[in-house]
Amino acid sequence: MKIDFDGLRGFVLVAELGGFSKAATQLHVTQTALTRRIQRLESYLDVRLLDRTTRSVHLTAVGREFFPQARRLVDEMMSAATRLRDMSRLGKGNITVASIPTMAHYALPAVMREYAMKYPGNRMRIIDCSASEVGPAVLSDLAEFGITIQLERRAELAEQAILREPFMFFCREEHPFSSKTAVSWKELSQTDLIVVSRLSGNRALLDHQLARKRLSLTGTYEVDHLSTAIGLVSAGVGAAILPFSTIQEGTNPMVRRIPLVRPVISRTIVLVRRKNGYLSPATQIFYDMLARRLEATVRKVTVARSTKPRATTASH
């Protein structure tokens, strides 16, 4: 049997107000119901807390000793409940999100600004990590939810597919392919490619989908991070196959982003959280904002054409 909080609160009110009638009125219960609550509490504690007569009620010696502790417990519980209600209503609380770096710089900043304007004072932490590390970060409670690539599904995680983005051909504007409106995979053998390591989630996804088309990806240069690849592209070392979101619109005037065709290969971005898990009120608000923001970009990514972005931030 567990201690009855309703009985504890009832006992405190009876002691403070000096009787069952006033306490029952404040609790919106009958005197009979209140009496039963306190009797259950006394049974659990195996002591008598109140002496009752037809006209009055008094604390026993044990009740007088217990009363200050009981009042403190009730006050702390009521205060905690009030804080939680305020957090839920006002979006108060700290937020920790695990994210692949491309989404950390592509999707999160605008949502973070919007959230900070509506709910100032909340602390936000972004764990930028590889696609293979996002799920474990959520399952180990380092983050409440994550943003990653859809790879192998894990039974303990719930996924919400939020964005499908194509892999694109990135090159400097003086590259022989820079004037093309599209580049086919078979044409890639004609250029020096910067490829991402086979340990990368993006590379694993690319290799899997290309193998189904009896194609393969080979490069002159190999790097571990997308940010390194786009840096080398900007420096004119070679061209690279990278996700659409590797750089943002209007961020690098020297780099072109050209659609890859025959076949078009895409990656699916998912939000992951514990299956049947609960997000804190603050995190739930941020999660919903992010989902709406990413859903709003779907059309723009789907119809992506050759562009001239400007500036360079990315990774896995």
C-alpha atoms as a PDB file:
ATOM      1  CA  MET A   1       0.000   0.000   0.000  1.00  0.00           C
ATOM      2  CA  LYS A   2       1.302   3.459  -0.928  1.00  0.00           C
ATOM      3  CA  ILE A   3       0.842   6.687   0.997  1.00  0.00           C
ATOM      4  CA  ASP A   4      -2.333   8.502  -0.074  1.00  0.00           C
ATOM      5  CA  PHE A   5      -1.576  12.098  -1.104  1.00  0.00           C
ATOM      6  CA  ASP A   6      -5.274  12.993  -0.956  1.00  0.00           C
ATOM      7  CA  GLY A   7      -5.340  11.746   2.630  1.00  0.00           C
ATOM      8  CA  LEU A   8      -2.173  13.671   3.458  1.00  0.00           C
ATOM      9  CA  ARG A   9      -3.608  16.875   2.012  1.00  0.00           C
ATOM     10  CA  GLY A  10      -6.909  16.266   3.788  1.00  0.00           C
ATOM     11  CA  PHE A  11      -5.146  15.807   7.128  1.00  0.00           C
ATOM     12  CA  VAL A  12      -3.206  19.067   6.676  1.00  0.00           C
ATOM     13  CA  LEU A  13      -6.357  21.034   5.824  1.00  0.00           C
ATOM     14  CA  VAL A  14      -8.324  19.595   8.758  1.00  0.00           C
ATOM     15  CA  ALA A  15      -5.465  20.566  11.078  1.00  0.00           C
ATOM     16  CA  GLU A  16      -5.161  24.057   9.578  1.00  0.00           C
ATOM     17  CA  LEU A  17      -8.891  24.825   9.399  1.00  0.00           C
ATOM     18  CA  GLY A  18      -9.851  23.119  12.648  1.00  0.00           C
ATOM     19  CA  GLY A  19     -12.533  20.813  11.327  1.00  0.00           C
ATOM     20  CA  PHE A  20     -13.799  18.430   8.660  1.00  0.00           C
ATOM     21  CA  SER A  21     -16.565  20.680   7.347  1.00  0.00           C
ATOM     22  CA  LYS A  22     -14.326  23.549   6.194  1.00  0.00           C
ATOM     23  CA  ALA A  23     -11.661  21.174   4.878  1.00  0.00           C
ATOM     24  CA  ALA A  24     -14.205  19.136   2.898  1.00  0.00           C
ATOM     25  CA  THR A  25     -15.654  22.331   1.405  1.00  0.00           C
ATOM     26  CA  GLN A  26     -12.208  23.515   0.273  1.00  0.00           C
ATOM     27  CA  LEU A  27     -11.443  20.115  -1.251  1.00  0.00           C
ATOM     28  CA  HIS A  28     -14.888  19.900  -2.902  1.00  0.00           C
ATOM     29  CA  VAL A  29     -15.625  16.506  -1.337  1.00  0.00           C
ATOM     30  CA  THR A  30     -18.112  15.261   1.254  1.00  0.00           C
ATOM     31  CA  GLN A  31     -17.125  14.967   4.898  1.00  0.00           C
ATOM     32  CA  THR A  32     -17.594  11.215   4.625  1.00  0.00           C
ATOM     33  CA  ALA A  33     -15.147  11.011   1.703  1.00  0.00           C
ATOM     34  CA  LEU A  34     -12.639  13.162   3.577  1.00  0.00           C
ATOM     35  CA  THR A  35     -12.962  10.975   6.677  1.00  0.00           C
ATOM     36  CA  ARG A  36     -12.198   7.872   4.583  1.00  0.00           C
ATOM     37  CA  ARG A  37      -9.124   9.512   3.082  1.00  0.00           C
ATOM     38  CA  ILE A  38      -7.692  10.316   6.499  1.00  0.00           C
ATOM     39  CA  GLN A  39      -8.577   6.866   7.816  1.00  0.00           C
ATOM     40  CA  ARG A  40      -6.615   5.305   4.920  1.00  0.00           C
ATOM     41  CA  LEU A  41      -3.657   7.541   5.787  1.00  0.00           C
ATOM     42  CA  GLU A  42      -3.840   6.559   9.468  1.00  0.00           C
ATOM     43  CA  SER A  43      -4.075   2.896   8.484  1.00  0.00           C
ATOM     44  CA  TYR A  44      -0.993   3.220   6.278  1.00  0.00           C
ATOM     45  CA  LEU A  45       0.987   4.998   9.025  1.00  0.00           C
ATOM     46  CA  ASP A  46      -0.459   2.704  11.709  1.00  0.00           C
ATOM     47  CA  VAL A  47      -1.049   5.677  14.032  1.00  0.00           C
ATOM     48  CA  ARG A  48      -3.960   7.868  15.047  1.00  0.00           C
ATOM     49  CA  LEU A  49      -3.494  11.451  13.864  1.00  0.00           C
ATOM     50  CA  LEU A  50      -6.786  13.029  14.944  1.00  0.00           C
ATOM     51  CA  ASP A  51      -9.075  12.765  17.954  1.00  0.00           C
ATOM     52  CA  ARG A  52     -12.657  13.331  16.834  1.00  0.00           C
ATOM     53  CA  THR A  53     -15.739  14.151  18.869  1.00  0.00           C
ATOM     54  CA  THR A  54     -19.191  15.142  17.658  1.00  0.00           C
ATOM     55  CA  ARG A  55     -18.315  18.813  18.123  1.00  0.00           C
ATOM     56  CA  SER A  56     -14.570  19.112  17.596  1.00  0.00           C
ATOM     57  CA  VAL A  57     -11.432  17.571  16.195  1.00  0.00           C
ATOM     58  CA  HIS A  58      -7.954  17.754  17.737  1.00  0.00           C
ATOM     59  CA  LEU A  59      -4.507  16.602  16.742  1.00  0.00           C
ATOM     60  CA  THR A  60      -3.106  13.722  18.746  1.00  0.00           C
ATOM     61  CA  ALA A  61       0.432  13.996  20.094  1.00  0.00           C
ATOM     62  CA  VAL A  62       1.644  12.008  17.082  1.00  0.00           C
ATOM     63  CA  GLY A  63      -0.480  14.197  14.800  1.00  0.00           C
ATOM     64  CA  ARG A  64       1.086  17.371  16.222  1.00  0.00           C
ATOM     65  CA  GLU A  65       4.561  15.977  15.586  1.00  0.00           C
ATOM     66  CA  PHE A  66       3.676  14.810  12.075  1.00  0.00           C
ATOM     67  CA  PHE A  67       1.783  17.951  11.008  1.00  0.00           C
ATOM     68  CA  PRO A  68       4.801  20.194  10.089  1.00  0.00           C
ATOM     69  CA  GLN A  69       6.327  17.442   7.954  1.00  0.00           C
ATOM     70  CA  ALA A  70       3.003  16.681   6.284  1.00  0.00           C
ATOM     71  CA  ARG A  71       2.400  20.354   5.516  1.00  0.00           C
ATOM     72  CA  ARG A  72       5.873  20.682   3.991  1.00  0.00           C
ATOM     73  CA  LEU A  73       5.308  17.607   1.810  1.00  0.00           C
ATOM     74  CA  VAL A  74       1.937  18.895   0.610  1.00  0.00           C
ATOM     75  CA  ASP A  75       3.326  22.385  -0.067  1.00  0.00           C
ATOM     76  CA  GLU A  76       6.241  20.960  -2.063  1.00  0.00           C
ATOM     77  CA  MET A  77       3.972  18.696  -4.095  1.00  0.00           C
ATOM     78  CA  MET A  78       1.484  21.476  -4.833  1.00  0.00           C
ATOM     79  CA  SER A  79       4.316  23.852  -5.755  1.00  0.00           C
ATOM     80  CA  ALA A  80       5.854  21.260  -8.095  1.00  0.00           C
ATOM     81  CA  ALA A  81       2.480  20.647  -9.749  1.00  0.00           C
ATOM     82  CA  THR A  82       1.996  24.398 -10.229  1.00  0.00           C
ATOM     83  CA  ARG A  83       5.439  24.721 -11.814  1.00  0.00           C
ATOM     84  CA  LEU A  84       4.684  21.855 -14.189  1.00  0.00           C
ATOM     85  CA  ARG A  85       1.381  23.431 -15.210  1.00  0.00           C
ATOM     86  CA  ASP A  86       3.165  26.723 -15.834  1.00  0.00           C
ATOM     87  CA  MET A  87       5.835  24.951 -17.879  1.00  0.00           C
ATOM     88  CA  SER A  88       3.163  23.265 -19.976  1.00  0.00           C
ATOM     89  CA  ARG A  89       1.216  26.480 -20.496  1.00  0.00           C
ATOM     90  CA  LEU A  90       4.214  28.748 -21.103  1.00  0.00           C
ATOM     91  CA  GLY A  91       6.575  26.301 -22.815  1.00  0.00           C
ATOM     92  CA  LYS A  92       9.125  26.606 -20.009  1.00  0.00           C
ATOM     93  CA  GLY A  93      11.981  24.136 -19.721  1.00  0.00           C
ATOM     94  CA  ASN A  94      15.284  23.039 -21.223  1.00  0.00           C
ATOM     95  CA  ILE A  95      15.586  21.366 -24.626  1.00  0.00           C
ATOM     96  CA  THR A  96      18.241  18.969 -25.924  1.00  0.00           C
ATOM     97  CA  VAL A  97      18.180  17.782 -29.540  1.00  0.00           C
ATOM     98  CA  ALA A  98      20.564  15.401 -31.318  1.00  0.00           C
ATOM     99  CA  SER A  99      20.998  16.288 -34.985  1.00  0.00           C
ATOM    100  CA  ILE A 100      23.066  15.459 -38.015  1.00  0.00           C
ATOM    101  CA  PRO A 101      25.104  18.608 -38.782  1.00  0.00           C
ATOM    102  CA  THR A 102      23.431  19.379 -42.128  1.00  0.00           C
ATOM    103  CA  MET A 103      20.059  19.686 -40.404  1.00  0.00           C
ATOM    104  CA  ALA A 104      21.655  21.502 -37.451  1.00  0.00           C
ATOM    105  CA  HIS A 105      22.643  24.355 -39.752  1.00  0.00           C
ATOM    106  CA  TYR A 106      19.904  24.000 -42.384  1.00  0.00           C
ATOM    107  CA  ALA A 107      16.733  23.545 -40.324  1.00  0.00           C
ATOM    108  CA  LEU A 108      17.398  24.395 -36.689  1.00  0.00           C
ATOM    109  CA  PRO A 109      18.509  28.069 -36.679  1.00  0.00           C
ATOM    110  CA  ALA A 110      15.231  29.530 -37.965  1.00  0.00           C
ATOM    111  CA  VAL A 111      13.201  27.384 -35.558  1.00  0.00           C
ATOM    112  CA  MET A 112      15.481  28.294 -32.655  1.00  0.00           C
ATOM    113  CA  ARG A 113      15.016  32.000 -33.386  1.00  0.00           C
ATOM    114  CA  GLU A 114      11.235  31.613 -33.620  1.00  0.00           C
ATOM    115  CA  TYR A 115      11.114  29.589 -30.410  1.00  0.00           C
ATOM    116  CA  ALA A 116      13.365  32.013 -28.505  1.00  0.00           C
ATOM    117  CA  MET A 117      11.113  34.930 -29.459  1.00  0.00           C
ATOM    118  CA  LYS A 118       8.000  33.153 -28.172  1.00  0.00           C
ATOM    119  CA  TYR A 119       9.562  31.434 -25.153  1.00  0.00           C
ATOM    120  CA  PRO A 120      12.577  33.487 -24.010  1.00  0.00           C
ATOM    121  CA  GLY A 121      14.813  32.208 -21.249  1.00  0.00           C
ATOM    122  CA  ASN A 122      14.754  28.509 -22.116  1.00  0.00           C
ATOM    123  CA  ARG A 123      18.104  26.769 -22.510  1.00  0.00           C
ATOM    124  CA  MET A 124      18.676  24.842 -25.748  1.00  0.00           C
ATOM    125  CA  ARG A 125      21.445  22.341 -26.416  1.00  0.00           C
ATOM    126  CA  ILE A 126      22.169  20.880 -29.846  1.00  0.00           C
ATOM    127  CA  ILE A 127      24.222  17.676 -29.973  1.00  0.00           C
ATOM    128  CA  ASP A 128      25.573  17.611 -33.515  1.00  0.00           C
ATOM    129  CA  CYS A 129      26.602  14.072 -34.345  1.00  0.00           C
ATOM    130  CA  SER A 130      26.673  11.512 -37.130  1.00  0.00           C
ATOM    131  CA  ALA A 131      23.545   9.729 -38.344  1.00  0.00           C
ATOM    132  CA  SER A 132      24.573   6.541 -36.523  1.00  0.00           C
ATOM    133  CA  GLU A 133      24.906   8.433 -33.225  1.00  0.00           C
ATOM    134  CA  VAL A 134      21.530  10.215 -33.167  1.00  0.00           C
ATOM    135  CA  GLY A 135      19.429   7.170 -32.232  1.00  0.00           C
ATOM    136  CA  PRO A 136      21.714   6.085 -29.369  1.00  0.00           C
ATOM    137  CA  ALA A 137      21.718   9.668 -28.036  1.00  0.00           C
ATOM    138  CA  VAL A 138      17.917   9.543 -27.799  1.00  0.00           C
ATOM    139  CA  LEU A 139      17.817   6.038 -26.312  1.00  0.00           C
ATOM    140  CA  SER A 140      20.416   6.952 -23.672  1.00  0.00           C
ATOM    141  CA  ASP A 141      18.407  10.086 -22.753  1.00  0.00           C
ATOM    142  CA  LEU A 142      21.169  12.467 -23.816  1.00  0.00           C
ATOM    143  CA  ALA A 143      18.539  14.036 -26.103  1.00  0.00           C
ATOM    144  CA  GLU A 144      14.741  14.002 -26.048  1.00  0.00           C
ATOM    145  CA  PHE A 145      14.509  13.638 -29.820  1.00  0.00           C
ATOM    146  CA  GLY A 146      16.765  13.620 -32.836  1.00  0.00           C
ATOM    147  CA  ILE A 147      17.004  14.604 -36.503  1.00  0.00           C
ATOM    148  CA  THR A 148      18.727  12.065 -38.701  1.00  0.00           C
ATOM    149  CA  ILE A 149      18.743  10.097 -41.947  1.00  0.00           C
ATOM    150  CA  GLN A 150      16.352   7.186 -42.305  1.00  0.00           C
ATOM    151  CA  LEU A 151      18.613   4.142 -42.285  1.00  0.00           C
ATOM    152  CA  GLU A 152      17.878   0.895 -40.454  1.00  0.00           C
ATOM    153  CA  ARG A 153      14.838   1.236 -38.200  1.00  0.00           C
ATOM    154  CA  ARG A 154      15.156   0.550 -34.481  1.00  0.00           C
ATOM    155  CA  ALA A 155      12.233  -1.037 -32.668  1.00  0.00           C
ATOM    156  CA  GLU A 156      12.644   1.270 -29.655  1.00  0.00           C
ATOM    157  CA  LEU A 157      12.362   4.462 -31.720  1.00  0.00           C
ATOM    158  CA  ALA A 158       9.378   6.136 -33.345  1.00  0.00           C
ATOM    159  CA  GLU A 159      10.181   7.858 -36.653  1.00  0.00           C
ATOM    160  CA  GLN A 160       8.389  10.726 -38.351  1.00  0.00           C
ATOM    161  CA  ALA A 161       9.522  11.169 -41.961  1.00  0.00           C
ATOM    162  CA  ILE A 162       9.648  14.901 -42.496  1.00  0.00           C
ATOM    163  CA  LEU A 163      11.730  15.696 -45.581  1.00  0.00           C
ATOM    164  CA  ARG A 164      12.981  13.912 -48.672  1.00  0.00           C
ATOM    165  CA  GLU A 165      15.935  15.673 -50.275  1.00  0.00           C
ATOM    166  CA  PRO A 166      17.977  14.720 -53.345  1.00  0.00           C
ATOM    167  CA  PHE A 167      21.712  14.295 -53.600  1.00  0.00           C
ATOM    168  CA  MET A 168      23.136  17.007 -55.852  1.00  0.00           C
ATOM    169  CA  PHE A 169      26.297  17.659 -57.846  1.00  0.00           C
ATOM    170  CA  PHE A 170      28.328  20.509 -56.295  1.00  0.00           C
ATOM    171  CA  CYS A 171      31.074  22.262 -58.235  1.00  0.00           C
ATOM    172  CA  ARG A 172      32.688  25.671 -58.684  1.00  0.00           C
ATOM    173  CA  GLU A 173      31.328  27.881 -61.428  1.00  0.00           C
ATOM    174  CA  GLU A 174      34.409  27.362 -63.630  1.00  0.00           C
ATOM    175  CA  HIS A 175      33.910  23.567 -63.593  1.00  0.00           C
ATOM    176  CA  PRO A 176      33.158  22.040 -67.045  1.00  0.00           C
ATOM    177  CA  PHE A 177      29.743  20.860 -65.768  1.00  0.00           C
ATOM    178  CA  SER A 178      28.743  24.187 -64.184  1.00  0.00           C
ATOM    179  CA  SER A 179      26.540  25.242 -67.102  1.00  0.00           C
ATOM    180  CA  LYS A 180      24.559  21.996 -67.097  1.00  0.00           C
ATOM    181  CA  THR A 181      20.971  21.919 -65.855  1.00  0.00           C
ATOM    182  CA  ALA A 182      21.445  18.284 -64.775  1.00  0.00           C
ATOM    183  CA  VAL A 183      24.267  15.764 -64.476  1.00  0.00           C
ATOM    184  CA  SER A 184      23.866  11.997 -64.899  1.00  0.00           C
ATOM    185  CA  TRP A 185      25.700   9.526 -62.682  1.00  0.00           C
ATOM    186  CA  LYS A 186      27.502   8.029 -65.652  1.00  0.00           C
ATOM    187  CA  GLU A 187      29.038  11.430 -66.429  1.00  0.00           C
ATOM    188  CA  LEU A 188      30.793  11.496 -63.056  1.00  0.00           C
ATOM    189  CA  SER A 189      33.648   9.354 -64.375  1.00  0.00           C
ATOM    190  CA  GLN A 190      34.737  12.413 -66.362  1.00  0.00           C
ATOM    191  CA  THR A 191      35.562  14.546 -63.308  1.00  0.00           C
ATOM    192  CA  ASP A 192      37.630  14.488 -60.108  1.00  0.00           C
ATOM    193  CA  LEU A 193      35.208  13.632 -57.325  1.00  0.00           C
ATOM    194  CA  ILE A 194      35.439  14.297 -53.605  1.00  0.00           C
ATOM    195  CA  VAL A 195      33.597  11.461 -51.856  1.00  0.00           C
ATOM    196  CA  VAL A 196      32.597  10.890 -48.256  1.00  0.00           C
ATOM    197  CA  SER A 197      33.989   7.914 -46.322  1.00  0.00           C
ATOM    198  CA  ARG A 198      32.148   4.586 -46.441  1.00  0.00           C
ATOM    199  CA  LEU A 199      31.681   4.922 -42.667  1.00  0.00           C
ATOM    200  CA  SER A 200      29.286   7.817 -43.264  1.00  0.00           C
ATOM    201  CA  GLY A 201      25.533   7.209 -43.200  1.00  0.00           C
ATOM    202  CA  ASN A 202      25.181   9.245 -46.381  1.00  0.00           C
ATOM    203  CA  ARG A 203      27.768   7.114 -48.186  1.00  0.00           C
ATOM    204  CA  ALA A 204      26.129   3.879 -47.018  1.00  0.00           C
ATOM    205  CA  LEU A 205      22.797   5.100 -48.330  1.00  0.00           C
ATOM    206  CA  LEU A 206      24.308   6.187 -51.663  1.00  0.00           C
ATOM    207  CA  ASP A 207      26.193   2.924 -52.174  1.00  0.00           C
ATOM    208  CA  HIS A 208      23.072   0.877 -51.404  1.00  0.00           C
ATOM    209  CA  GLN A 209      20.854   2.755 -53.850  1.00  0.00           C
ATOM    210  CA  LEU A 210      23.510   2.903 -56.579  1.00  0.00           C
ATOM    211  CA  ALA A 211      24.143  -0.849 -56.302  1.00  0.00           C
ATOM    212  CA  ARG A 212      20.475  -1.459 -57.100  1.00  0.00           C
ATOM    213  CA  LYS A 213      21.077   0.407 -60.384  1.00  0.00           C
ATOM    214  CA  ARG A 214      24.380  -1.414 -60.965  1.00  0.00           C
ATOM    215  CA  LEU A 215      26.300   1.803 -60.462  1.00  0.00           C
ATOM    216  CA  SER A 216      29.129   2.634 -58.065  1.00  0.00           C
ATOM    217  CA  LEU A 217      30.758   5.749 -56.668  1.00  0.00           C
ATOM    218  CA  THR A 218      34.507   6.250 -56.792  1.00  0.00           C
ATOM    219  CA  GLY A 219      36.466   9.373 -56.017  1.00  0.00           C
ATOM    220  CA  THR A 220      39.863  10.953 -56.325  1.00  0.00           C
ATOM    221  CA  TYR A 221      39.604  12.345 -52.801  1.00  0.00           C
ATOM    222  CA  GLU A 222      37.926  10.906 -49.702  1.00  0.00           C
ATOM    223  CA  VAL A 223      36.892  12.811 -46.566  1.00  0.00           C
ATOM    224  CA  ASP A 224      34.976  12.026 -43.386  1.00  0.00           C
ATOM    225  CA  HIS A 225      32.686  15.055 -43.206  1.00  0.00           C
ATOM    226  CA  LEU A 226      30.419  16.877 -45.631  1.00  0.00           C
ATOM    227  CA  SER A 227      31.807  20.190 -44.347  1.00  0.00           C
ATOM    228  CA  THR A 228      35.281  19.138 -45.508  1.00  0.00           C
ATOM    229  CA  ALA A 229      33.907  18.101 -48.894  1.00  0.00           C
ATOM    230  CA  ILE A 230      32.152  21.416 -49.524  1.00  0.00           C
ATOM    231  CA  GLY A 231      35.251  23.281 -48.355  1.00  0.00           C
ATOM    232  CA  LEU A 232      37.336  21.448 -50.956  1.00  0.00           C
ATOM    233  CA  VAL A 233      34.714  22.150 -53.624  1.00  0.00           C
ATOM    234  CA  SER A 234      34.848  25.862 -52.739  1.00  0.00           C
ATOM    235  CA  ALA A 235      38.632  25.755 -53.049  1.00  0.00           C
ATOM    236  CA  GLY A 236      38.393  24.261 -56.544  1.00  0.00           C
ATOM    237  CA  VAL A 237      39.920  20.876 -55.643  1.00  0.00           C
ATOM    238  CA  GLY A 238      37.099  18.913 -57.253  1.00  0.00           C
ATOM    239  CA  ALA A 239      33.345  18.307 -57.375  1.00  0.00           C
ATOM    240  CA  ALA A 240      31.236  16.429 -54.814  1.00  0.00           C
ATOM    241  CA  ILE A 241      27.986  14.496 -54.445  1.00  0.00           C
ATOM    242  CA  LEU A 242      26.245  15.934 -51.399  1.00  0.00           C
ATOM    243  CA  PRO A 243      22.712  16.352 -50.014  1.00  0.00           C
ATOM    244  CA  PHE A 244      20.701  19.384 -51.135  1.00  0.00           C
ATOM    245  CA  SER A 245      20.884  20.932 -47.646  1.00  0.00           C
ATOM    246  CA  THR A 246      24.693  20.904 -47.459  1.00  0.00           C
ATOM    247  CA  ILE A 247      24.712  24.645 -48.150  1.00  0.00           C
ATOM    248  CA  GLN A 248      21.865  27.111 -47.988  1.00  0.00           C
ATOM    249  CA  GLU A 249      20.432  29.364 -50.652  1.00  0.00           C
ATOM    250  CA  GLY A 250      22.560  32.435 -51.266  1.00  0.00           C
ATOM    251  CA  THR A 251      25.607  31.417 -49.252  1.00  0.00           C
ATOM    252  CA  ASN A 252      28.477  30.726 -51.695  1.00  0.00           C
ATOM    253  CA  PRO A 253      28.578  32.639 -55.005  1.00  0.00           C
ATOM    254  CA  MET A 254      31.350  30.422 -56.382  1.00  0.00           C
ATOM    255  CA  VAL A 255      29.577  27.083 -55.929  1.00  0.00           C
ATOM    256  CA  ARG A 256      26.835  25.641 -58.103  1.00  0.00           C
ATOM    257  CA  ARG A 257      24.358  22.985 -57.006  1.00  0.00           C
ATOM    258  CA  ILE A 258      23.138  20.886 -59.959  1.00  0.00           C
ATOM    259  CA  PRO A 259      20.514  18.098 -59.921  1.00  0.00           C
ATOM    260  CA  LEU A 260      21.767  14.534 -60.401  1.00  0.00           C
ATOM    261  CA  VAL A 261      19.642  12.370 -62.681  1.00  0.00           C
ATOM    262  CA  ARG A 262      19.392   8.864 -64.091  1.00  0.00           C
ATOM    263  CA  PRO A 263      18.747   7.984 -61.337  1.00  0.00           C
ATOM    264  CA  VAL A 264      17.587  10.625 -58.857  1.00  0.00           C
ATOM    265  CA  ILE A 265      18.757   9.468 -55.433  1.00  0.00           C
ATOM    266  CA  SER A 266      17.371  11.011 -52.269  1.00  0.00           C
ATOM    267  CA  ARG A 267      17.694  10.666 -48.542  1.00  0.00           C
ATOM    268  CA  THR A 268      14.792  10.858 -46.088  1.00  0.00           C
ATOM    269  CA  ILE A 269      15.160  13.036 -43.012  1.00  0.00           C
ATOM    270  CA  VAL A 270      13.295  11.760 -39.954  1.00  0.00           C
ATOM    271  CA  LEU A 271      12.551  13.008 -36.467  1.00  0.00           C
ATOM    272  CA  VAL A 272      13.168  10.214 -33.954  1.00  0.00           C
ATOM    273  CA  ARG A 273      12.001   9.865 -30.364  1.00  0.00           C
ATOM    274  CA  ARG A 274      11.465   7.040 -27.910  1.00  0.00           C
ATOM    275  CA  LYS A 275       8.522   4.880 -28.944  1.00  0.00           C
ATOM    276  CA  ASN A 276       5.607   5.610 -26.600  1.00  0.00           C
ATOM    277  CA  GLY A 277       7.864   8.201 -24.961  1.00  0.00           C
ATOM    278  CA  TYR A 278       6.848  11.552 -23.545  1.00  0.00           C
ATOM    279  CA  LEU A 279       8.382  14.872 -24.579  1.00  0.00           C
ATOM    280  CA  SER A 280       8.503  17.662 -22.020  1.00  0.00           C
ATOM    281  CA  PRO A 281       6.050  20.503 -22.786  1.00  0.00           C
ATOM    282  CA  ALA A 282       8.883  22.809 -23.919  1.00  0.00           C
ATOM    283  CA  THR A 283      10.397  20.143 -26.177  1.00  0.00           C
ATOM    284  CA  GLN A 284       7.004  19.191 -27.640  1.00  0.00           C
ATOM    285  CA  ILE A 285       6.446  22.808 -28.703  1.00  0.00           C
ATOM    286  CA  PHE A 286       9.907  22.945 -30.310  1.00  0.00           C
ATOM    287  CA  TYR A 287       9.368  19.543 -31.973  1.00  0.00           C
ATOM    288  CA  ASP A 288       6.072  20.714 -33.518  1.00  0.00           C
ATOM    289  CA  MET A 289       7.647  23.974 -34.734  1.00  0.00           C
ATOM    290  CA  LEU A 290      10.496  22.058 -36.366  1.00  0.00           C
ATOM    291  CA  ALA A 291       8.145  19.573 -38.033  1.00  0.00           C
ATOM    292  CA  ARG A 292       6.091  22.414 -39.515  1.00  0.00           C
ATOM    293  CA  ARG A 293       9.220  24.217 -40.719  1.00  0.00           C
ATOM    294  CA  LEU A 294      10.619  21.132 -42.444  1.00  0.00           C
ATOM    295  CA  GLU A 295       7.288  20.230 -44.012  1.00  0.00           C
ATOM    296  CA  ALA A 296       7.142  23.760 -45.446  1.00  0.00           C
ATOM    297  CA  THR A 297      10.475  23.206 -47.237  1.00  0.00           C
ATOM    298  CA  VAL A 298       9.451  19.988 -48.976  1.00  0.00           C
ATOM    299  CA  ARG A 299       8.172  21.673 -52.138  1.00  0.00           C
ATOM    300  CA  LYS A 300      11.259  23.853 -52.430  1.00  0.00           C
ATOM    301  CA  VAL A 301      13.610  20.875 -52.129  1.00  0.00           C
ATOM    302  CA  THR A 302      11.570  18.686 -54.464  1.00  0.00           C
ATOM    303  CA  VAL A 303      11.763  21.175 -57.317  1.00  0.00           C
ATOM    304  CA  ALA A 304      15.406  22.005 -56.645  1.00  0.00           C
ATOM    305  CA  ARG A 305      17.216  23.331 -59.700  1.00  0.00           C
ATOM    306  CA  SER A 306      20.771  24.426 -60.360  1.00  0.00           C
ATOM    307  CA  THR A 307      21.447  27.352 -58.041  1.00  0.00           C
ATOM    308  CA  LYS A 308      24.232  29.644 -56.960  1.00  0.00           C
ATOM    309  CA  PRO A 309      24.233  29.378 -53.172  1.00  0.00           C
ATOM    310  CA  ARG A 310      26.724  31.594 -51.056  1.00  0.00           C
ATOM    311  CA  ALA A 311      28.791  30.282 -47.690  1.00  0.00           C
ATOM    312  CA  THR A 312      29.629  26.937 -46.446  1.00  0.00           C
ATOM    313  CA  THR A 313      28.621  25.036 -43.387  1.00  0.00           C
ATOM    314  CA  ALA A 314      27.867  21.328 -43.235  1.00  0.00           C
ATOM    315  CA  SER A 315      28.932  17.888 -42.101  1.00  0.00           C
ATOM    316  CA  HIS A 316      27.257  14.478 -41.842  1.00  0.00           C
END
